[in-house]
Amino acid sequence: MFSRPKRRSDRSERPDRSPDTEPDGPTSSHAGAMFSALFLLVFAIAIIVPWTVADSARQNTYAEAQALTEAYWNAGDLPADSAMATREALREYTRFVTEREWRLLARGELAEAGWARLNSLRADLGMLEPRSKDEKDSLAAVEAQLEQVYAARRQRAVDAQASLPPGVLWLTVLTAGLVLAFPLLAGARPRGPVRFTYLLLAGSVAVGVYLVFAINHTFTGPLGVDASAFESAWREFRQIP
């Protein structure tokens, strides 16, 4: 009788697993890559969304200023007294937005006085009775441009309140901290030229976090939308005869 060969135990068939204790081992490499990917994902969301809003808001301010300029031009064909009053109202509104209202935009607010000025001008235009076709066409053009000013102002109110949810901001800070702290927690000890590389990484991450907070509010901060469009319109008013 032939004896059956002894079956090897499952333990003997498994390859030996050595402990993963190195800073550049599989566990640390995989975790570090995941933390970096998470930070880049959150950073992209935190930059792209506010940047898109700021770019749209900047274009909207130029559209509003352009509408004011066109209304100023068209008001010249109204009756003399009405032309002077309309142009004065447009100048005062532009000055009000530039000098007073822009400070409120930093807090996400629009001044009620700005709406009151536009409403008063709109009511005055509605009371005019054109005496010729040119005056009628001029009045219609001014009213059409004023409607664009209203629309742009409403959009400016929306843009002023746009900001990232607080959770996204704190998640950006958290993931940035993980990216910087993980190599040290995993056992890496930068020395020599490698220390410079780590400091460069820390500086780059810090700049990224700063940009996220700097661009979060549309009308404030170093990357916010300024009142240059309205200032340009004001200068153009002074050149119009």
C-alpha atoms as a PDB file:
ATOM      1  CA  MET A   1       0.000   0.000   0.000  1.00  0.00           C
ATOM      2  CA  PHE A   2       1.302   3.369  -0.944  1.00  0.00           C
ATOM      3  CA  SER A   3       0.947   6.002   1.678  1.00  0.00           C
ATOM      4  CA  ARG A   4      -0.655   9.243   0.651  1.00  0.00           C
ATOM      5  CA  PRO A   5       1.645  12.241   0.556  1.00  0.00           C
ATOM      6  CA  LYS A   6       1.077  14.607   3.386  1.00  0.00           C
ATOM      7  CA  ARG A   7      -0.761  17.726   2.387  1.00  0.00           C
ATOM      8  CA  ARG A   8       1.046  20.945   3.082  1.00  0.00           C
ATOM      9  CA  SER A   9      -0.626  23.245   5.501  1.00  0.00           C
ATOM     10  CA  ASP A  10      -2.033  26.532   4.227  1.00  0.00           C
ATOM     11  CA  ARG A  11       0.430  28.388   6.356  1.00  0.00           C
ATOM     12  CA  SER A  12       3.379  26.870   4.487  1.00  0.00           C
ATOM     13  CA  GLU A  13       1.865  27.858   1.141  1.00  0.00           C
ATOM     14  CA  ARG A  14       1.534  31.523   2.032  1.00  0.00           C
ATOM     15  CA  PRO A  15       4.482  33.789   1.327  1.00  0.00           C
ATOM     16  CA  ASP A  16       6.198  35.388   4.254  1.00  0.00           C
ATOM     17  CA  ARG A  17       4.955  38.894   5.048  1.00  0.00           C
ATOM     18  CA  SER A  18       7.631  41.178   6.372  1.00  0.00           C
ATOM     19  CA  PRO A  19       6.592  44.087   8.613  1.00  0.00           C
ATOM     20  CA  ASP A  20       6.240  47.442   6.873  1.00  0.00           C
ATOM     21  CA  THR A  21       8.219  49.854   9.029  1.00  0.00           C
ATOM     22  CA  GLU A  22       9.998  52.072   6.482  1.00  0.00           C
ATOM     23  CA  PRO A  23       8.877  55.652   5.788  1.00  0.00           C
ATOM     24  CA  ASP A  24       8.861  54.864   2.058  1.00  0.00           C
ATOM     25  CA  GLY A  25       7.149  51.482   2.456  1.00  0.00           C
ATOM     26  CA  PRO A  26       3.906  50.472   0.702  1.00  0.00           C
ATOM     27  CA  THR A  27       1.633  51.687   3.487  1.00  0.00           C
ATOM     28  CA  SER A  28       3.237  55.102   3.792  1.00  0.00           C
ATOM     29  CA  SER A  29       3.472  55.558   0.028  1.00  0.00           C
ATOM     30  CA  HIS A  30      -0.187  54.686  -0.489  1.00  0.00           C
ATOM     31  CA  ALA A  31      -1.424  56.851   2.385  1.00  0.00           C
ATOM     32  CA  GLY A  32       0.730  59.783   1.335  1.00  0.00           C
ATOM     33  CA  ALA A  33      -0.552  59.584  -2.230  1.00  0.00           C
ATOM     34  CA  MET A  34      -4.156  59.498  -1.015  1.00  0.00           C
ATOM     35  CA  PHE A  35      -3.658  62.513   1.271  1.00  0.00           C
ATOM     36  CA  SER A  36      -2.038  64.454  -1.568  1.00  0.00           C
ATOM     37  CA  ALA A  37      -4.861  63.570  -3.946  1.00  0.00           C
ATOM     38  CA  LEU A  38      -7.465  64.638  -1.387  1.00  0.00           C
ATOM     39  CA  PHE A  39      -5.724  67.963  -0.822  1.00  0.00           C
ATOM     40  CA  LEU A  40      -5.507  68.636  -4.564  1.00  0.00           C
ATOM     41  CA  LEU A  41      -9.197  67.814  -4.992  1.00  0.00           C
ATOM     42  CA  VAL A  42     -10.313  70.147  -2.201  1.00  0.00           C
ATOM     43  CA  PHE A  43      -7.861  72.833  -3.325  1.00  0.00           C
ATOM     44  CA  ALA A  44      -9.173  72.707  -6.906  1.00  0.00           C
ATOM     45  CA  ILE A  45     -12.764  73.110  -5.726  1.00  0.00           C
ATOM     46  CA  ALA A  46     -11.820  75.925  -3.339  1.00  0.00           C
ATOM     47  CA  ILE A  47     -10.007  77.844  -6.098  1.00  0.00           C
ATOM     48  CA  ILE A  48     -12.036  77.205  -9.243  1.00  0.00           C
ATOM     49  CA  VAL A  49     -15.483  77.993  -7.829  1.00  0.00           C
ATOM     50  CA  PRO A  50     -14.617  81.421  -6.281  1.00  0.00           C
ATOM     51  CA  TRP A  51     -12.382  82.296  -9.235  1.00  0.00           C
ATOM     52  CA  THR A  52     -15.274  81.657 -11.624  1.00  0.00           C
ATOM     53  CA  VAL A  53     -17.603  83.791  -9.488  1.00  0.00           C
ATOM     54  CA  ALA A  54     -15.039  86.610  -9.293  1.00  0.00           C
ATOM     55  CA  ASP A  55     -14.460  86.570 -13.049  1.00  0.00           C
ATOM     56  CA  SER A  56     -18.199  86.716 -13.699  1.00  0.00           C
ATOM     57  CA  ALA A  57     -18.615  89.515 -11.158  1.00  0.00           C
ATOM     58  CA  ARG A  58     -15.800  91.505 -12.780  1.00  0.00           C
ATOM     59  CA  GLN A  59     -17.447  91.236 -16.190  1.00  0.00           C
ATOM     60  CA  ASN A  60     -20.782  92.187 -14.648  1.00  0.00           C
ATOM     61  CA  THR A  61     -19.365  95.381 -13.136  1.00  0.00           C
ATOM     62  CA  TYR A  62     -18.035  96.397 -16.543  1.00  0.00           C
ATOM     63  CA  ALA A  63     -21.435  95.673 -18.078  1.00  0.00           C
ATOM     64  CA  GLU A  64     -23.118  97.888 -15.471  1.00  0.00           C
ATOM     65  CA  ALA A  65     -20.597 100.679 -15.968  1.00  0.00           C
ATOM     66  CA  GLN A  66     -20.981 100.434 -19.750  1.00  0.00           C
ATOM     67  CA  ALA A  67     -24.768 100.666 -19.436  1.00  0.00           C
ATOM     68  CA  LEU A  68     -24.366 103.800 -17.305  1.00  0.00           C
ATOM     69  CA  THR A  69     -22.075 105.330 -19.919  1.00  0.00           C
ATOM     70  CA  GLU A  70     -24.474 104.572 -22.774  1.00  0.00           C
ATOM     71  CA  ALA A  71     -27.378 106.001 -20.779  1.00  0.00           C
ATOM     72  CA  TYR A  72     -25.310 109.141 -20.184  1.00  0.00           C
ATOM     73  CA  TRP A  73     -24.690 109.499 -23.918  1.00  0.00           C
ATOM     74  CA  ASN A  74     -28.330 108.929 -24.871  1.00  0.00           C
ATOM     75  CA  ALA A  75     -29.599 111.358 -22.240  1.00  0.00           C
ATOM     76  CA  GLY A  76     -28.043 114.177 -24.239  1.00  0.00           C
ATOM     77  CA  ASP A  77     -30.934 114.095 -26.741  1.00  0.00           C
ATOM     78  CA  LEU A  78     -33.584 114.626 -24.073  1.00  0.00           C
ATOM     79  CA  PRO A  79     -35.019 118.088 -23.420  1.00  0.00           C
ATOM     80  CA  ALA A  80     -32.361 120.337 -21.928  1.00  0.00           C
ATOM     81  CA  ASP A  81     -33.626 120.364 -18.346  1.00  0.00           C
ATOM     82  CA  SER A  82     -34.315 116.611 -18.353  1.00  0.00           C
ATOM     83  CA  ALA A  83     -30.948 115.876 -19.950  1.00  0.00           C
ATOM     84  CA  MET A  84     -29.090 117.787 -17.248  1.00  0.00           C
ATOM     85  CA  ALA A  85     -31.105 116.184 -14.441  1.00  0.00           C
ATOM     86  CA  THR A  86     -30.682 112.657 -15.865  1.00  0.00           C
ATOM     87  CA  ARG A  87     -26.961 113.031 -16.360  1.00  0.00           C
ATOM     88  CA  GLU A  88     -26.543 114.465 -12.883  1.00  0.00           C
ATOM     89  CA  ALA A  89     -28.429 111.475 -11.438  1.00  0.00           C
ATOM     90  CA  LEU A  90     -26.216 109.065 -13.354  1.00  0.00           C
ATOM     91  CA  ARG A  91     -23.080 110.818 -12.121  1.00  0.00           C
ATOM     92  CA  GLU A  92     -24.263 110.775  -8.530  1.00  0.00           C
ATOM     93  CA  TYR A  93     -25.164 107.086  -8.706  1.00  0.00           C
ATOM     94  CA  THR A  94     -21.757 106.199 -10.156  1.00  0.00           C
ATOM     95  CA  ARG A  95     -19.979 108.255  -7.515  1.00  0.00           C
ATOM     96  CA  PHE A  96     -22.086 106.665  -4.779  1.00  0.00           C
ATOM     97  CA  VAL A  97     -21.195 103.137  -5.925  1.00  0.00           C
ATOM     98  CA  THR A  98     -17.496 103.955  -6.157  1.00  0.00           C
ATOM     99  CA  GLU A  99     -17.026 105.922  -2.953  1.00  0.00           C
ATOM    100  CA  ARG A 100     -19.574 104.458  -0.530  1.00  0.00           C
ATOM    101  CA  GLU A 101     -21.210 101.250  -1.678  1.00  0.00           C
ATOM    102  CA  TRP A 102     -18.015  99.369  -2.485  1.00  0.00           C
ATOM    103  CA  ARG A 103     -17.090  99.282   1.187  1.00  0.00           C
ATOM    104  CA  LEU A 104     -20.411  97.564   1.923  1.00  0.00           C
ATOM    105  CA  LEU A 105     -19.779  94.963  -0.767  1.00  0.00           C
ATOM    106  CA  ALA A 106     -16.859  93.690   1.286  1.00  0.00           C
ATOM    107  CA  ARG A 107     -19.454  92.646   3.885  1.00  0.00           C
ATOM    108  CA  GLY A 108     -21.726  91.103   1.270  1.00  0.00           C
ATOM    109  CA  GLU A 109     -24.263  93.954   1.318  1.00  0.00           C
ATOM    110  CA  LEU A 110     -25.698  96.493  -1.090  1.00  0.00           C
ATOM    111  CA  ALA A 111     -26.865  99.910   0.090  1.00  0.00           C
ATOM    112  CA  GLU A 112     -30.580 100.625  -0.067  1.00  0.00           C
ATOM    113  CA  ALA A 113     -29.689 104.181  -1.059  1.00  0.00           C
ATOM    114  CA  GLY A 114     -28.378 102.860  -4.376  1.00  0.00           C
ATOM    115  CA  TRP A 115     -31.719 101.277  -5.195  1.00  0.00           C
ATOM    116  CA  ALA A 116     -33.469 104.495  -4.130  1.00  0.00           C
ATOM    117  CA  ARG A 117     -31.368 106.551  -6.542  1.00  0.00           C
ATOM    118  CA  LEU A 118     -32.190 104.267  -9.466  1.00  0.00           C
ATOM    119  CA  ASN A 119     -35.878 104.175  -8.569  1.00  0.00           C
ATOM    120  CA  SER A 120     -36.014 107.956  -8.371  1.00  0.00           C
ATOM    121  CA  LEU A 121     -34.348 108.305 -11.772  1.00  0.00           C
ATOM    122  CA  ARG A 122     -36.675 105.716 -13.264  1.00  0.00           C
ATOM    123  CA  ALA A 123     -39.716 107.541 -11.900  1.00  0.00           C
ATOM    124  CA  ASP A 124     -38.500 110.881 -13.311  1.00  0.00           C
ATOM    125  CA  LEU A 125     -37.979 109.341 -16.738  1.00  0.00           C
ATOM    126  CA  GLY A 126     -41.454 107.829 -16.624  1.00  0.00           C
ATOM    127  CA  MET A 127     -42.979 111.287 -16.161  1.00  0.00           C
ATOM    128  CA  LEU A 128     -41.354 112.740 -19.270  1.00  0.00           C
ATOM    129  CA  GLU A 129     -43.504 113.459 -22.337  1.00  0.00           C
ATOM    130  CA  PRO A 130     -41.325 113.424 -25.478  1.00  0.00           C
ATOM    131  CA  ARG A 131     -42.234 116.122 -27.991  1.00  0.00           C
ATOM    132  CA  SER A 132     -40.449 114.645 -30.998  1.00  0.00           C
ATOM    133  CA  LYS A 133     -39.390 111.298 -32.389  1.00  0.00           C
ATOM    134  CA  ASP A 134     -35.744 111.959 -31.462  1.00  0.00           C
ATOM    135  CA  GLU A 135     -36.684 112.667 -27.862  1.00  0.00           C
ATOM    136  CA  LYS A 136     -38.888 109.575 -27.780  1.00  0.00           C
ATOM    137  CA  ASP A 137     -36.083 107.396 -29.155  1.00  0.00           C
ATOM    138  CA  SER A 138     -33.605 108.910 -26.711  1.00  0.00           C
ATOM    139  CA  LEU A 139     -35.922 108.276 -23.777  1.00  0.00           C
ATOM    140  CA  ALA A 140     -36.449 104.668 -24.856  1.00  0.00           C
ATOM    141  CA  ALA A 141     -32.674 104.171 -25.146  1.00  0.00           C
ATOM    142  CA  VAL A 142     -32.026 105.609 -21.676  1.00  0.00           C
ATOM    143  CA  GLU A 143     -34.738 103.430 -20.160  1.00  0.00           C
ATOM    144  CA  ALA A 144     -33.327 100.337 -21.905  1.00  0.00           C
ATOM    145  CA  GLN A 145     -29.846 101.032 -20.528  1.00  0.00           C
ATOM    146  CA  LEU A 146     -31.322 101.657 -17.094  1.00  0.00           C
ATOM    147  CA  GLU A 147     -32.910  98.209 -17.189  1.00  0.00           C
ATOM    148  CA  GLN A 148     -29.466  96.744 -17.820  1.00  0.00           C
ATOM    149  CA  VAL A 149     -28.138  98.672 -14.813  1.00  0.00           C
ATOM    150  CA  TYR A 150     -30.901  97.178 -12.677  1.00  0.00           C
ATOM    151  CA  ALA A 151     -30.084  93.651 -13.885  1.00  0.00           C
ATOM    152  CA  ALA A 152     -26.357  94.086 -13.330  1.00  0.00           C
ATOM    153  CA  ARG A 153     -26.942  95.514  -9.862  1.00  0.00           C
ATOM    154  CA  ARG A 154     -29.112  92.541  -8.891  1.00  0.00           C
ATOM    155  CA  GLN A 155     -26.371  90.197 -10.050  1.00  0.00           C
ATOM    156  CA  ARG A 156     -23.835  92.215  -8.080  1.00  0.00           C
ATOM    157  CA  ALA A 157     -25.929  91.660  -4.964  1.00  0.00           C
ATOM    158  CA  VAL A 158     -25.807  87.898  -5.581  1.00  0.00           C
ATOM    159  CA  ASP A 159     -22.058  87.922  -6.228  1.00  0.00           C
ATOM    160  CA  ALA A 160     -21.418  89.908  -3.045  1.00  0.00           C
ATOM    161  CA  GLN A 161     -22.935  87.123  -0.934  1.00  0.00           C
ATOM    162  CA  ALA A 162     -21.179  84.270  -2.735  1.00  0.00           C
ATOM    163  CA  SER A 163     -18.584  82.450  -0.642  1.00  0.00           C
ATOM    164  CA  LEU A 164     -17.366  78.932   0.029  1.00  0.00           C
ATOM    165  CA  PRO A 165     -19.033  76.868   2.759  1.00  0.00           C
ATOM    166  CA  PRO A 166     -16.943  76.980   5.961  1.00  0.00           C
ATOM    167  CA  GLY A 167     -16.485  73.214   5.740  1.00  0.00           C
ATOM    168  CA  VAL A 168     -14.543  73.539   2.478  1.00  0.00           C
ATOM    169  CA  LEU A 169     -12.199  76.110   4.004  1.00  0.00           C
ATOM    170  CA  TRP A 170     -11.459  74.014   7.070  1.00  0.00           C
ATOM    171  CA  LEU A 171     -11.103  70.863   4.967  1.00  0.00           C
ATOM    172  CA  THR A 172      -8.496  72.693   2.891  1.00  0.00           C
ATOM    173  CA  VAL A 173      -6.552  73.552   6.044  1.00  0.00           C
ATOM    174  CA  LEU A 174      -6.908  70.002   7.396  1.00  0.00           C
ATOM    175  CA  THR A 175      -5.723  68.276   4.233  1.00  0.00           C
ATOM    176  CA  ALA A 176      -2.843  70.758   3.878  1.00  0.00           C
ATOM    177  CA  GLY A 177      -1.766  69.913   7.428  1.00  0.00           C
ATOM    178  CA  LEU A 178      -1.948  66.192   6.658  1.00  0.00           C
ATOM    179  CA  VAL A 179       0.209  66.603   3.567  1.00  0.00           C
ATOM    180  CA  LEU A 180       2.884  68.380   5.605  1.00  0.00           C
ATOM    181  CA  ALA A 181       2.692  66.284   8.772  1.00  0.00           C
ATOM    182  CA  PHE A 182       2.341  62.809   7.292  1.00  0.00           C
ATOM    183  CA  PRO A 183       5.990  62.313   6.192  1.00  0.00           C
ATOM    184  CA  LEU A 184       7.151  63.239   9.704  1.00  0.00           C
ATOM    185  CA  LEU A 185       4.548  61.002  11.339  1.00  0.00           C
ATOM    186  CA  ALA A 186       5.606  58.133   9.084  1.00  0.00           C
ATOM    187  CA  GLY A 187       9.170  58.399  10.368  1.00  0.00           C
ATOM    188  CA  ALA A 188      10.882  60.521   7.746  1.00  0.00           C
ATOM    189  CA  ARG A 189      13.535  62.863   9.057  1.00  0.00           C
ATOM    190  CA  PRO A 190      14.624  65.306   6.323  1.00  0.00           C
ATOM    191  CA  ARG A 191      18.329  66.102   6.377  1.00  0.00           C
ATOM    192  CA  GLY A 192      20.598  68.122   4.157  1.00  0.00           C
ATOM    193  CA  PRO A 193      19.223  69.049   0.708  1.00  0.00           C
ATOM    194  CA  VAL A 194      16.057  67.042   1.416  1.00  0.00           C
ATOM    195  CA  ARG A 195      15.193  69.521   4.154  1.00  0.00           C
ATOM    196  CA  PHE A 196      15.151  72.317   1.557  1.00  0.00           C
ATOM    197  CA  THR A 197      12.764  70.257  -0.583  1.00  0.00           C
ATOM    198  CA  TYR A 198      10.432  69.783   2.378  1.00  0.00           C
ATOM    199  CA  LEU A 199      10.519  73.507   3.171  1.00  0.00           C
ATOM    200  CA  LEU A 200       9.695  74.240  -0.465  1.00  0.00           C
ATOM    201  CA  LEU A 201       6.718  71.896  -0.212  1.00  0.00           C
ATOM    202  CA  ALA A 202       5.553  73.588   2.986  1.00  0.00           C
ATOM    203  CA  GLY A 203       5.816  77.014   1.369  1.00  0.00           C
ATOM    204  CA  SER A 204       3.875  75.910  -1.709  1.00  0.00           C
ATOM    205  CA  VAL A 205       1.075  74.420   0.400  1.00  0.00           C
ATOM    206  CA  ALA A 206       0.932  77.571   2.556  1.00  0.00           C
ATOM    207  CA  VAL A 207       0.616  79.774  -0.541  1.00  0.00           C
ATOM    208  CA  GLY A 208      -2.184  77.549  -1.815  1.00  0.00           C
ATOM    209  CA  VAL A 209      -4.109  77.843   1.453  1.00  0.00           C
ATOM    210  CA  TYR A 210      -3.588  81.620   1.443  1.00  0.00           C
ATOM    211  CA  LEU A 211      -5.023  81.867  -2.087  1.00  0.00           C
ATOM    212  CA  VAL A 212      -8.113  79.926  -1.025  1.00  0.00           C
ATOM    213  CA  PHE A 213      -8.868  82.403   1.760  1.00  0.00           C
ATOM    214  CA  ALA A 214      -7.868  85.441  -0.331  1.00  0.00           C
ATOM    215  CA  ILE A 215     -10.260  84.661  -3.179  1.00  0.00           C
ATOM    216  CA  ASN A 216     -13.142  83.464  -1.027  1.00  0.00           C
ATOM    217  CA  HIS A 217     -14.948  86.845  -0.989  1.00  0.00           C
ATOM    218  CA  THR A 218     -15.693  88.430  -4.350  1.00  0.00           C
ATOM    219  CA  PHE A 219     -15.311  92.127  -3.558  1.00  0.00           C
ATOM    220  CA  THR A 220     -12.603  92.162  -0.906  1.00  0.00           C
ATOM    221  CA  GLY A 221      -9.019  91.017  -0.474  1.00  0.00           C
ATOM    222  CA  PRO A 222      -6.032  91.280  -2.825  1.00  0.00           C
ATOM    223  CA  LEU A 223      -7.763  89.176  -5.498  1.00  0.00           C
ATOM    224  CA  GLY A 224     -11.218  90.736  -5.147  1.00  0.00           C
ATOM    225  CA  VAL A 225     -13.076  92.753  -7.763  1.00  0.00           C
ATOM    226  CA  ASP A 226     -12.433  96.500  -7.437  1.00  0.00           C
ATOM    227  CA  ALA A 227     -14.414  99.529  -8.586  1.00  0.00           C
ATOM    228  CA  SER A 228     -12.170 100.320 -11.561  1.00  0.00           C
ATOM    229  CA  ALA A 229     -15.047  99.875 -14.030  1.00  0.00           C
ATOM    230  CA  PHE A 230     -17.103 102.604 -12.330  1.00  0.00           C
ATOM    231  CA  GLU A 231     -14.072 104.843 -11.955  1.00  0.00           C
ATOM    232  CA  SER A 232     -13.488 104.508 -15.692  1.00  0.00           C
ATOM    233  CA  ALA A 233     -17.141 105.375 -16.355  1.00  0.00           C
ATOM    234  CA  TRP A 234     -16.820 108.464 -14.155  1.00  0.00           C
ATOM    235  CA  ARG A 235     -13.795 109.647 -16.117  1.00  0.00           C
ATOM    236  CA  GLU A 236     -15.670 109.092 -19.374  1.00  0.00           C
ATOM    237  CA  PHE A 237     -18.608 111.175 -18.111  1.00  0.00           C
ATOM    238  CA  ARG A 238     -16.284 114.150 -17.785  1.00  0.00           C
ATOM    239  CA  GLN A 239     -15.218 113.792 -21.426  1.00  0.00           C
ATOM    240  CA  ILE A 240     -18.767 113.662 -22.842  1.00  0.00           C
ATOM    241  CA  PRO A 241     -19.947 117.117 -24.025  1.00  0.00           C
END
